[in-house]
């Protein structure tokens, strides 16, 4: 409850079909019309033709790369026939759309331009940031920020979470009379996951918890509990710290992905900042007046909700 949980998603057959179909549409749109093409080009065989437009093995591989990792891990003999069907569907839809003139529809053109702009933006970011994200850069950041430095301080603590301050004070009074923390946690705590363990949260770093909770836990000496309730957005806590320790710094392999992601984010932010610094930006309020630097624009008010119809 106090810390973020990691969630994993499973690709359903419906979502996979939708993803693959979007790949097919994109690839079909990008493919030039070709009345005739060799059955195989440098090991890239043609697997289907739709009105003479070829779909190559490389098209399936490109489409597979856009899928989530769990889908990409499927055997090719299972995944590729599904993707081929979707690419054929997409190519047929695209041909029909052009036949009916949808490629000239103003709204379609607007969306197409927006999609092209997004691709160009992504390509610019990739070009500027990608070359700098090397193993040498990751290793240098690890050596600079982590290697040889002491690990973070951690505490091992328990807590009891209740809805109001009065209940928390009653629990503190019971503890003062020799009450058992684990038993009280199982009886009163709203944090049912921790309560099943007698309120035990295990070891955590200060940044792992809400500031007010962490501040209280880290101030306690081993086996001390809070004598006044601690309030967070989840409710009122009674906290007991069991022990403290200094954690070992992560190894290079353990820290690698997080450091790499940090370098990517920093590179993206710098690239965007540099691009903005090279252009003139003027922001307007909805009435046409210029927004002052640092201020937020005034946008049109949302239309009022219609009154409910009378019965």
C-alpha atoms as a PDB file:
ATOM      1  CA  UNK A   1       0.000   0.000   0.000  1.00  0.00           C
ATOM      2  CA  UNK A   2       2.865   2.346   0.819  1.00  0.00           C
ATOM      3  CA  UNK A   3       5.032   1.541  -2.108  1.00  0.00           C
ATOM      4  CA  UNK A   4       4.483   1.121  -5.821  1.00  0.00           C
ATOM      5  CA  UNK A   5       3.666  -2.346  -7.076  1.00  0.00           C
ATOM      6  CA  UNK A   6       4.997  -3.837 -10.261  1.00  0.00           C
ATOM      7  CA  UNK A   7       2.341  -5.105 -12.626  1.00  0.00           C
ATOM      8  CA  UNK A   8       2.733  -7.462 -15.574  1.00  0.00           C
ATOM      9  CA  UNK A   9       0.375  -7.531 -18.549  1.00  0.00           C
ATOM     10  CA  UNK A  10      -0.536 -10.551 -20.665  1.00  0.00           C
ATOM     11  CA  UNK A  11      -1.233 -10.027 -24.343  1.00  0.00           C
ATOM     12  CA  UNK A  12      -4.701 -11.313 -25.207  1.00  0.00           C
ATOM     13  CA  UNK A  13      -5.519 -12.679 -28.617  1.00  0.00           C
ATOM     14  CA  UNK A  14      -7.768  -9.683 -29.278  1.00  0.00           C
ATOM     15  CA  UNK A  15      -5.132  -7.116 -28.374  1.00  0.00           C
ATOM     16  CA  UNK A  16      -2.550  -8.977 -30.399  1.00  0.00           C
ATOM     17  CA  UNK A  17      -4.820  -8.942 -33.409  1.00  0.00           C
ATOM     18  CA  UNK A  18      -5.381  -5.217 -33.021  1.00  0.00           C
ATOM     19  CA  UNK A  19      -1.681  -4.549 -32.681  1.00  0.00           C
ATOM     20  CA  UNK A  20      -0.840  -6.695 -35.637  1.00  0.00           C
ATOM     21  CA  UNK A  21      -3.564  -5.077 -37.713  1.00  0.00           C
ATOM     22  CA  UNK A  22      -2.168  -1.635 -36.961  1.00  0.00           C
ATOM     23  CA  UNK A  23       1.222  -2.894 -38.075  1.00  0.00           C
ATOM     24  CA  UNK A  24      -0.337  -4.221 -41.251  1.00  0.00           C
ATOM     25  CA  UNK A  25      -2.008  -0.931 -42.019  1.00  0.00           C
ATOM     26  CA  UNK A  26       1.178   1.015 -41.478  1.00  0.00           C
ATOM     27  CA  UNK A  27       3.266  -1.329 -43.550  1.00  0.00           C
ATOM     28  CA  UNK A  28       0.660  -1.565 -46.266  1.00  0.00           C
ATOM     29  CA  UNK A  29       0.454   2.200 -46.500  1.00  0.00           C
ATOM     30  CA  UNK A  30       4.213   2.490 -46.753  1.00  0.00           C
ATOM     31  CA  UNK A  31       4.567  -0.207 -49.395  1.00  0.00           C
ATOM     32  CA  UNK A  32       4.830   1.116 -52.965  1.00  0.00           C
ATOM     33  CA  UNK A  33       2.513  -0.431 -55.535  1.00  0.00           C
ATOM     34  CA  UNK A  34       4.438  -2.992 -57.520  1.00  0.00           C
ATOM     35  CA  UNK A  35       2.839  -4.946 -60.319  1.00  0.00           C
ATOM     36  CA  UNK A  36       5.562  -7.530 -60.305  1.00  0.00           C
ATOM     37  CA  UNK A  37       8.316  -8.447 -57.877  1.00  0.00           C
ATOM     38  CA  UNK A  38      10.733 -11.345 -57.683  1.00  0.00           C
ATOM     39  CA  UNK A  39       9.642 -14.218 -55.461  1.00  0.00           C
ATOM     40  CA  UNK A  40      12.741 -13.765 -53.321  1.00  0.00           C
ATOM     41  CA  UNK A  41      15.124 -10.856 -52.916  1.00  0.00           C
ATOM     42  CA  UNK A  42      18.363 -11.480 -51.057  1.00  0.00           C
ATOM     43  CA  UNK A  43      16.776 -14.024 -48.720  1.00  0.00           C
ATOM     44  CA  UNK A  44      13.657 -11.909 -48.228  1.00  0.00           C
ATOM     45  CA  UNK A  45      10.940 -13.995 -49.910  1.00  0.00           C
ATOM     46  CA  UNK A  46       7.542 -12.704 -50.939  1.00  0.00           C
ATOM     47  CA  UNK A  47       4.935 -14.431 -48.764  1.00  0.00           C
ATOM     48  CA  UNK A  48       1.813 -12.918 -50.298  1.00  0.00           C
ATOM     49  CA  UNK A  49       0.611 -10.418 -52.877  1.00  0.00           C
ATOM     50  CA  UNK A  50      -2.453  -8.212 -52.608  1.00  0.00           C
ATOM     51  CA  UNK A  51      -3.375  -6.702 -55.981  1.00  0.00           C
ATOM     52  CA  UNK A  52       0.224  -7.311 -56.971  1.00  0.00           C
ATOM     53  CA  UNK A  53       1.671  -5.536 -53.921  1.00  0.00           C
ATOM     54  CA  UNK A  54       4.139  -7.893 -52.221  1.00  0.00           C
ATOM     55  CA  UNK A  55       4.367  -8.689 -48.549  1.00  0.00           C
ATOM     56  CA  UNK A  56       7.880  -9.849 -47.702  1.00  0.00           C
ATOM     57  CA  UNK A  57       9.247 -11.887 -44.828  1.00  0.00           C
ATOM     58  CA  UNK A  58      10.980  -8.696 -43.679  1.00  0.00           C
ATOM     59  CA  UNK A  59       7.545  -7.041 -43.338  1.00  0.00           C
ATOM     60  CA  UNK A  60       6.526  -9.738 -40.867  1.00  0.00           C
ATOM     61  CA  UNK A  61       9.763  -9.313 -38.938  1.00  0.00           C
ATOM     62  CA  UNK A  62       9.250  -5.550 -38.792  1.00  0.00           C
ATOM     63  CA  UNK A  63       5.681  -6.039 -37.576  1.00  0.00           C
ATOM     64  CA  UNK A  64       6.838  -8.509 -34.918  1.00  0.00           C
ATOM     65  CA  UNK A  65       9.276  -5.939 -33.515  1.00  0.00           C
ATOM     66  CA  UNK A  66       6.397  -3.584 -32.712  1.00  0.00           C
ATOM     67  CA  UNK A  67       4.686  -6.172 -30.491  1.00  0.00           C
ATOM     68  CA  UNK A  68       5.134  -6.435 -26.705  1.00  0.00           C
ATOM     69  CA  UNK A  69       8.030  -8.645 -25.523  1.00  0.00           C
ATOM     70  CA  UNK A  70       5.784 -11.537 -24.487  1.00  0.00           C
ATOM     71  CA  UNK A  71       4.298 -11.673 -27.988  1.00  0.00           C
ATOM     72  CA  UNK A  72       7.706 -11.371 -29.675  1.00  0.00           C
ATOM     73  CA  UNK A  73       8.767 -14.429 -27.712  1.00  0.00           C
ATOM     74  CA  UNK A  74       6.213 -16.632 -29.438  1.00  0.00           C
ATOM     75  CA  UNK A  75       7.610 -19.220 -31.891  1.00  0.00           C
ATOM     76  CA  UNK A  76       7.826 -17.816 -35.421  1.00  0.00           C
ATOM     77  CA  UNK A  77       5.807 -20.715 -36.820  1.00  0.00           C
ATOM     78  CA  UNK A  78       2.937 -19.567 -34.558  1.00  0.00           C
ATOM     79  CA  UNK A  79       3.384 -15.787 -34.703  1.00  0.00           C
ATOM     80  CA  UNK A  80       4.206 -15.246 -38.373  1.00  0.00           C
ATOM     81  CA  UNK A  81       1.062 -16.832 -39.891  1.00  0.00           C
ATOM     82  CA  UNK A  82      -1.042 -14.620 -37.609  1.00  0.00           C
ATOM     83  CA  UNK A  83       0.909 -11.527 -38.632  1.00  0.00           C
ATOM     84  CA  UNK A  84       0.694 -12.445 -42.311  1.00  0.00           C
ATOM     85  CA  UNK A  85      -3.096 -12.663 -42.070  1.00  0.00           C
ATOM     86  CA  UNK A  86      -3.211  -9.242 -40.421  1.00  0.00           C
ATOM     87  CA  UNK A  87      -0.876  -7.678 -42.980  1.00  0.00           C
ATOM     88  CA  UNK A  88      -3.028  -9.038 -45.794  1.00  0.00           C
ATOM     89  CA  UNK A  89      -6.128  -7.641 -44.087  1.00  0.00           C
ATOM     90  CA  UNK A  90      -4.460  -4.268 -43.682  1.00  0.00           C
ATOM     91  CA  UNK A  91      -3.246  -4.143 -47.276  1.00  0.00           C
ATOM     92  CA  UNK A  92      -6.752  -5.024 -48.575  1.00  0.00           C
ATOM     93  CA  UNK A  93      -8.330  -2.326 -46.394  1.00  0.00           C
ATOM     94  CA  UNK A  94      -5.799   0.227 -47.580  1.00  0.00           C
ATOM     95  CA  UNK A  95      -6.471  -0.546 -51.239  1.00  0.00           C
ATOM     96  CA  UNK A  96     -10.203  -0.235 -50.650  1.00  0.00           C
ATOM     97  CA  UNK A  97      -9.737   3.030 -48.736  1.00  0.00           C
ATOM     98  CA  UNK A  98      -7.767   4.562 -51.597  1.00  0.00           C
ATOM     99  CA  UNK A  99     -10.306   3.284 -54.099  1.00  0.00           C
ATOM    100  CA  UNK A 100     -13.054   5.163 -52.250  1.00  0.00           C
ATOM    101  CA  UNK A 101     -10.973   8.349 -51.976  1.00  0.00           C
ATOM    102  CA  UNK A 102     -10.397   8.235 -48.215  1.00  0.00           C
ATOM    103  CA  UNK A 103      -6.741   9.108 -48.759  1.00  0.00           C
ATOM    104  CA  UNK A 104      -7.940  12.576 -49.858  1.00  0.00           C
ATOM    105  CA  UNK A 105     -10.340  13.120 -46.953  1.00  0.00           C
ATOM    106  CA  UNK A 106      -9.274  16.264 -44.995  1.00  0.00           C
ATOM    107  CA  UNK A 107      -9.513  14.559 -41.599  1.00  0.00           C
ATOM    108  CA  UNK A 108      -7.508  11.577 -42.829  1.00  0.00           C
ATOM    109  CA  UNK A 109      -4.878  13.913 -44.273  1.00  0.00           C
ATOM    110  CA  UNK A 110      -4.706  15.757 -40.943  1.00  0.00           C
ATOM    111  CA  UNK A 111      -4.199  12.529 -39.029  1.00  0.00           C
ATOM    112  CA  UNK A 112      -1.659  11.299 -41.574  1.00  0.00           C
ATOM    113  CA  UNK A 113       0.361  14.492 -41.190  1.00  0.00           C
ATOM    114  CA  UNK A 114       0.194  14.218 -37.402  1.00  0.00           C
ATOM    115  CA  UNK A 115       1.447  10.621 -37.596  1.00  0.00           C
ATOM    116  CA  UNK A 116       4.248  11.615 -39.969  1.00  0.00           C
ATOM    117  CA  UNK A 117       5.238  14.462 -37.647  1.00  0.00           C
ATOM    118  CA  UNK A 118       5.373  12.032 -34.732  1.00  0.00           C
ATOM    119  CA  UNK A 119       7.618   9.661 -36.682  1.00  0.00           C
ATOM    120  CA  UNK A 120       9.919  12.551 -37.586  1.00  0.00           C
ATOM    121  CA  UNK A 121      10.106  13.722 -33.973  1.00  0.00           C
ATOM    122  CA  UNK A 122      10.962  10.195 -32.825  1.00  0.00           C
ATOM    123  CA  UNK A 123      13.607   9.875 -35.518  1.00  0.00           C
ATOM    124  CA  UNK A 124      15.174  13.170 -34.424  1.00  0.00           C
ATOM    125  CA  UNK A 125      15.303  12.064 -30.792  1.00  0.00           C
ATOM    126  CA  UNK A 126      16.748   8.702 -31.791  1.00  0.00           C
ATOM    127  CA  UNK A 127      19.398  10.321 -33.964  1.00  0.00           C
ATOM    128  CA  UNK A 128      20.469  12.786 -31.272  1.00  0.00           C
ATOM    129  CA  UNK A 129      20.260  10.544 -28.215  1.00  0.00           C
ATOM    130  CA  UNK A 130      20.914   7.016 -29.491  1.00  0.00           C
ATOM    131  CA  UNK A 131      24.640   7.326 -30.322  1.00  0.00           C
ATOM    132  CA  UNK A 132      25.433   8.633 -26.842  1.00  0.00           C
ATOM    133  CA  UNK A 133      23.860   5.692 -24.994  1.00  0.00           C
ATOM    134  CA  UNK A 134      26.841   3.354 -25.101  1.00  0.00           C
ATOM    135  CA  UNK A 135      28.092   0.725 -22.685  1.00  0.00           C
ATOM    136  CA  UNK A 136      31.061   3.005 -22.006  1.00  0.00           C
ATOM    137  CA  UNK A 137      28.694   5.817 -21.014  1.00  0.00           C
ATOM    138  CA  UNK A 138      26.700   3.530 -18.719  1.00  0.00           C
ATOM    139  CA  UNK A 139      29.911   2.231 -17.105  1.00  0.00           C
ATOM    140  CA  UNK A 140      31.251   5.756 -16.628  1.00  0.00           C
ATOM    141  CA  UNK A 141      28.040   6.813 -14.872  1.00  0.00           C
ATOM    142  CA  UNK A 142      28.180   3.712 -12.661  1.00  0.00           C
ATOM    143  CA  UNK A 143      31.792   4.422 -11.696  1.00  0.00           C
ATOM    144  CA  UNK A 144      30.955   8.055 -10.995  1.00  0.00           C
ATOM    145  CA  UNK A 145      27.795   7.616  -8.936  1.00  0.00           C
ATOM    146  CA  UNK A 146      27.771   4.111  -7.460  1.00  0.00           C
ATOM    147  CA  UNK A 147      31.057   2.192  -7.530  1.00  0.00           C
ATOM    148  CA  UNK A 148      33.068   2.425  -4.308  1.00  0.00           C
ATOM    149  CA  UNK A 149      30.397   4.445  -2.501  1.00  0.00           C
ATOM    150  CA  UNK A 150      28.532   3.273   0.610  1.00  0.00           C
ATOM    151  CA  UNK A 151      25.068   1.902   0.140  1.00  0.00           C
ATOM    152  CA  UNK A 152      21.901   3.588   1.331  1.00  0.00           C
ATOM    153  CA  UNK A 153      20.656   3.409   4.909  1.00  0.00           C
ATOM    154  CA  UNK A 154      17.694   1.091   5.384  1.00  0.00           C
ATOM    155  CA  UNK A 155      15.327   0.353   8.236  1.00  0.00           C
ATOM    156  CA  UNK A 156      13.333  -2.746   9.044  1.00  0.00           C
ATOM    157  CA  UNK A 157       9.970  -1.615  10.377  1.00  0.00           C
ATOM    158  CA  UNK A 158       6.400  -2.626  11.161  1.00  0.00           C
ATOM    159  CA  UNK A 159       3.282  -0.510  11.030  1.00  0.00           C
ATOM    160  CA  UNK A 160      -0.391  -0.531  11.925  1.00  0.00           C
ATOM    161  CA  UNK A 161      -2.688   1.550   9.706  1.00  0.00           C
ATOM    162  CA  UNK A 162      -6.074   2.778  10.945  1.00  0.00           C
ATOM    163  CA  UNK A 163      -8.694   5.274   9.779  1.00  0.00           C
ATOM    164  CA  UNK A 164      -8.509   7.854  12.564  1.00  0.00           C
ATOM    165  CA  UNK A 165      -6.139   9.370  15.086  1.00  0.00           C
ATOM    166  CA  UNK A 166      -8.142   8.201  18.087  1.00  0.00           C
ATOM    167  CA  UNK A 167      -7.750   4.540  17.114  1.00  0.00           C
ATOM    168  CA  UNK A 168      -4.015   5.058  16.544  1.00  0.00           C
ATOM    169  CA  UNK A 169      -3.639   6.644  20.003  1.00  0.00           C
ATOM    170  CA  UNK A 170      -5.479   3.712  21.587  1.00  0.00           C
ATOM    171  CA  UNK A 171      -3.076   1.272  19.906  1.00  0.00           C
ATOM    172  CA  UNK A 172      -0.088   3.302  21.118  1.00  0.00           C
ATOM    173  CA  UNK A 173      -1.517   3.182  24.644  1.00  0.00           C
ATOM    174  CA  UNK A 174      -1.914  -0.612  24.375  1.00  0.00           C
ATOM    175  CA  UNK A 175       1.703  -0.914  23.221  1.00  0.00           C
ATOM    176  CA  UNK A 176       2.798   1.211  26.166  1.00  0.00           C
ATOM    177  CA  UNK A 177       1.143  -1.320  28.457  1.00  0.00           C
ATOM    178  CA  UNK A 178       3.118  -4.155  26.887  1.00  0.00           C
ATOM    179  CA  UNK A 179       0.751  -5.030  24.046  1.00  0.00           C
ATOM    180  CA  UNK A 180       2.052  -7.252  21.251  1.00  0.00           C
ATOM    181  CA  UNK A 181       2.623  -5.223  18.065  1.00  0.00           C
ATOM    182  CA  UNK A 182       2.052  -8.157  15.704  1.00  0.00           C
ATOM    183  CA  UNK A 183      -1.204  -9.130  17.384  1.00  0.00           C
ATOM    184  CA  UNK A 184      -2.475  -5.548  17.321  1.00  0.00           C
ATOM    185  CA  UNK A 185      -1.544  -5.243  13.641  1.00  0.00           C
ATOM    186  CA  UNK A 186      -3.506  -8.370  12.762  1.00  0.00           C
ATOM    187  CA  UNK A 187      -6.472  -7.100  14.769  1.00  0.00           C
ATOM    188  CA  UNK A 188      -6.646  -3.462  13.641  1.00  0.00           C
ATOM    189  CA  UNK A 189      -4.493  -2.685  10.591  1.00  0.00           C
ATOM    190  CA  UNK A 190      -6.150  -1.740   7.267  1.00  0.00           C
ATOM    191  CA  UNK A 191      -2.959  -2.768   5.462  1.00  0.00           C
ATOM    192  CA  UNK A 192      -4.042  -6.380   5.257  1.00  0.00           C
ATOM    193  CA  UNK A 193      -0.930  -7.523   3.370  1.00  0.00           C
ATOM    194  CA  UNK A 194       1.421  -6.262   6.080  1.00  0.00           C
ATOM    195  CA  UNK A 195      -1.031  -7.219   8.846  1.00  0.00           C
ATOM    196  CA  UNK A 196      -0.794 -10.875   7.823  1.00  0.00           C
ATOM    197  CA  UNK A 197       2.921 -10.569   8.649  1.00  0.00           C
ATOM    198  CA  UNK A 198       2.286  -8.831  11.958  1.00  0.00           C
ATOM    199  CA  UNK A 199       2.622  -5.419  10.305  1.00  0.00           C
ATOM    200  CA  UNK A 200       6.113  -6.230   8.994  1.00  0.00           C
ATOM    201  CA  UNK A 201       7.213  -4.153   5.980  1.00  0.00           C
ATOM    202  CA  UNK A 202      10.710  -5.602   5.758  1.00  0.00           C
ATOM    203  CA  UNK A 203      13.701  -3.378   4.978  1.00  0.00           C
ATOM    204  CA  UNK A 204      13.178  -0.196   2.969  1.00  0.00           C
ATOM    205  CA  UNK A 205      15.077   2.918   2.002  1.00  0.00           C
ATOM    206  CA  UNK A 206      13.883   6.394   2.872  1.00  0.00           C
ATOM    207  CA  UNK A 207      12.848   7.128  -0.689  1.00  0.00           C
ATOM    208  CA  UNK A 208      10.719   3.992  -0.867  1.00  0.00           C
ATOM    209  CA  UNK A 209       8.051   5.398   1.449  1.00  0.00           C
ATOM    210  CA  UNK A 210       5.974   8.548   1.773  1.00  0.00           C
ATOM    211  CA  UNK A 211       8.113  11.309   3.323  1.00  0.00           C
ATOM    212  CA  UNK A 212       6.139  11.655   6.556  1.00  0.00           C
ATOM    213  CA  UNK A 213       6.173   7.883   7.086  1.00  0.00           C
ATOM    214  CA  UNK A 214       9.877   7.529   6.276  1.00  0.00           C
ATOM    215  CA  UNK A 215      10.897  10.471   8.460  1.00  0.00           C
ATOM    216  CA  UNK A 216       9.196   8.912  11.470  1.00  0.00           C
ATOM    217  CA  UNK A 217      10.560   5.411  10.854  1.00  0.00           C
ATOM    218  CA  UNK A 218      14.156   6.580  10.356  1.00  0.00           C
ATOM    219  CA  UNK A 219      14.126   8.669  13.563  1.00  0.00           C
ATOM    220  CA  UNK A 220      13.245   5.691  15.754  1.00  0.00           C
ATOM    221  CA  UNK A 221      15.876   3.588  17.475  1.00  0.00           C
ATOM    222  CA  UNK A 222      15.685  -0.203  17.177  1.00  0.00           C
ATOM    223  CA  UNK A 223      12.564  -1.610  18.897  1.00  0.00           C
ATOM    224  CA  UNK A 224      11.081   1.865  19.495  1.00  0.00           C
ATOM    225  CA  UNK A 225       7.580   2.714  18.299  1.00  0.00           C
ATOM    226  CA  UNK A 226       6.019   6.084  17.569  1.00  0.00           C
ATOM    227  CA  UNK A 227       4.429   7.714  20.612  1.00  0.00           C
ATOM    228  CA  UNK A 228       2.234   9.934  18.441  1.00  0.00           C
ATOM    229  CA  UNK A 229       0.339   8.750  15.356  1.00  0.00           C
ATOM    230  CA  UNK A 230       1.839   9.473  11.926  1.00  0.00           C
ATOM    231  CA  UNK A 231      -0.614  10.826   9.364  1.00  0.00           C
ATOM    232  CA  UNK A 232      -0.332  10.136   5.614  1.00  0.00           C
ATOM    233  CA  UNK A 233      -2.844  10.197   2.798  1.00  0.00           C
ATOM    234  CA  UNK A 234      -3.634   6.562   3.578  1.00  0.00           C
ATOM    235  CA  UNK A 235      -4.640   7.169   7.188  1.00  0.00           C
ATOM    236  CA  UNK A 236      -2.991   7.079  10.622  1.00  0.00           C
ATOM    237  CA  UNK A 237       0.060   4.905  11.306  1.00  0.00           C
ATOM    238  CA  UNK A 238       1.705   3.440  14.349  1.00  0.00           C
ATOM    239  CA  UNK A 239       5.285   2.531  13.414  1.00  0.00           C
ATOM    240  CA  UNK A 240       7.898   0.372  15.092  1.00  0.00           C
ATOM    241  CA  UNK A 241      11.483   0.229  13.845  1.00  0.00           C
ATOM    242  CA  UNK A 242      13.183  -3.122  14.446  1.00  0.00           C
ATOM    243  CA  UNK A 243      16.702  -2.573  13.089  1.00  0.00           C
ATOM    244  CA  UNK A 244      18.790  -0.467  10.721  1.00  0.00           C
ATOM    245  CA  UNK A 245      21.488  -1.355   8.230  1.00  0.00           C
ATOM    246  CA  UNK A 246      23.499   0.057   5.345  1.00  0.00           C
ATOM    247  CA  UNK A 247      22.686  -1.750   2.125  1.00  0.00           C
ATOM    248  CA  UNK A 248      25.300  -2.933  -0.321  1.00  0.00           C
ATOM    249  CA  UNK A 249      25.521  -0.795  -3.474  1.00  0.00           C
ATOM    250  CA  UNK A 250      24.162  -2.562  -6.557  1.00  0.00           C
ATOM    251  CA  UNK A 251      26.568  -4.304  -8.897  1.00  0.00           C
ATOM    252  CA  UNK A 252      27.083  -2.961 -12.400  1.00  0.00           C
ATOM    253  CA  UNK A 253      24.769  -5.617 -13.849  1.00  0.00           C
ATOM    254  CA  UNK A 254      22.075  -4.817 -11.291  1.00  0.00           C
ATOM    255  CA  UNK A 255      22.262  -1.081 -11.932  1.00  0.00           C
ATOM    256  CA  UNK A 256      22.816  -1.250 -15.695  1.00  0.00           C
ATOM    257  CA  UNK A 257      19.255  -0.909 -16.970  1.00  0.00           C
ATOM    258  CA  UNK A 258      18.306   1.848 -14.518  1.00  0.00           C
ATOM    259  CA  UNK A 259      21.417   3.868 -15.377  1.00  0.00           C
ATOM    260  CA  UNK A 260      20.774   3.402 -19.099  1.00  0.00           C
ATOM    261  CA  UNK A 261      17.186   4.586 -18.721  1.00  0.00           C
ATOM    262  CA  UNK A 262      18.398   7.620 -16.792  1.00  0.00           C
ATOM    263  CA  UNK A 263      20.853   8.494 -19.559  1.00  0.00           C
ATOM    264  CA  UNK A 264      18.101   8.141 -22.156  1.00  0.00           C
ATOM    265  CA  UNK A 265      15.760  10.427 -20.202  1.00  0.00           C
ATOM    266  CA  UNK A 266      18.481  13.023 -19.695  1.00  0.00           C
ATOM    267  CA  UNK A 267      19.353  12.899 -23.387  1.00  0.00           C
ATOM    268  CA  UNK A 268      15.720  13.306 -24.432  1.00  0.00           C
ATOM    269  CA  UNK A 269      15.245  16.274 -22.114  1.00  0.00           C
ATOM    270  CA  UNK A 270      18.410  17.982 -23.404  1.00  0.00           C
ATOM    271  CA  UNK A 271      17.475  17.407 -27.036  1.00  0.00           C
ATOM    272  CA  UNK A 272      14.012  18.905 -26.502  1.00  0.00           C
ATOM    273  CA  UNK A 273      15.443  21.836 -24.529  1.00  0.00           C
ATOM    274  CA  UNK A 274      18.029  22.555 -27.241  1.00  0.00           C
ATOM    275  CA  UNK A 275      15.346  22.409 -29.956  1.00  0.00           C
ATOM    276  CA  UNK A 276      13.108  24.812 -28.042  1.00  0.00           C
ATOM    277  CA  UNK A 277      16.014  27.191 -27.430  1.00  0.00           C
ATOM    278  CA  UNK A 278      16.626  27.392 -31.177  1.00  0.00           C
ATOM    279  CA  UNK A 279      13.105  28.566 -32.049  1.00  0.00           C
ATOM    280  CA  UNK A 280      10.854  31.480 -31.140  1.00  0.00           C
ATOM    281  CA  UNK A 281       7.863  30.377 -29.088  1.00  0.00           C
ATOM    282  CA  UNK A 282       4.796  32.544 -28.476  1.00  0.00           C
ATOM    283  CA  UNK A 283       1.874  31.186 -26.431  1.00  0.00           C
ATOM    284  CA  UNK A 284      -1.573  32.787 -26.613  1.00  0.00           C
ATOM    285  CA  UNK A 285      -4.573  32.912 -24.353  1.00  0.00           C
ATOM    286  CA  UNK A 286      -7.894  31.878 -25.833  1.00  0.00           C
ATOM    287  CA  UNK A 287      -8.745  35.566 -26.363  1.00  0.00           C
ATOM    288  CA  UNK A 288      -5.657  36.077 -28.529  1.00  0.00           C
ATOM    289  CA  UNK A 289      -3.521  37.913 -25.962  1.00  0.00           C
ATOM    290  CA  UNK A 290       0.047  36.777 -25.415  1.00  0.00           C
ATOM    291  CA  UNK A 291       0.758  34.712 -22.295  1.00  0.00           C
ATOM    292  CA  UNK A 292       3.399  36.261 -20.069  1.00  0.00           C
ATOM    293  CA  UNK A 293       6.560  34.185 -19.453  1.00  0.00           C
ATOM    294  CA  UNK A 294       6.023  31.693 -16.658  1.00  0.00           C
ATOM    295  CA  UNK A 295       2.238  32.065 -16.705  1.00  0.00           C
ATOM    296  CA  UNK A 296      -0.289  29.461 -17.805  1.00  0.00           C
ATOM    297  CA  UNK A 297      -2.530  30.165 -20.782  1.00  0.00           C
ATOM    298  CA  UNK A 298      -6.201  30.915 -20.261  1.00  0.00           C
ATOM    299  CA  UNK A 299      -8.163  28.308 -22.159  1.00  0.00           C
ATOM    300  CA  UNK A 300     -11.825  28.331 -23.175  1.00  0.00           C
ATOM    301  CA  UNK A 301     -14.172  27.308 -20.393  1.00  0.00           C
ATOM    302  CA  UNK A 302     -15.652  23.852 -20.719  1.00  0.00           C
ATOM    303  CA  UNK A 303     -19.260  23.929 -21.887  1.00  0.00           C
ATOM    304  CA  UNK A 304     -21.792  23.557 -19.093  1.00  0.00           C
ATOM    305  CA  UNK A 305     -23.375  20.150 -18.755  1.00  0.00           C
ATOM    306  CA  UNK A 306     -26.924  20.075 -20.108  1.00  0.00           C
ATOM    307  CA  UNK A 307     -29.683  20.063 -17.547  1.00  0.00           C
ATOM    308  CA  UNK A 308     -31.241  16.653 -16.989  1.00  0.00           C
ATOM    309  CA  UNK A 309     -34.406  16.090 -18.940  1.00  0.00           C
ATOM    310  CA  UNK A 310     -37.583  16.343 -16.950  1.00  0.00           C
ATOM    311  CA  UNK A 311     -39.573  13.205 -16.535  1.00  0.00           C
END
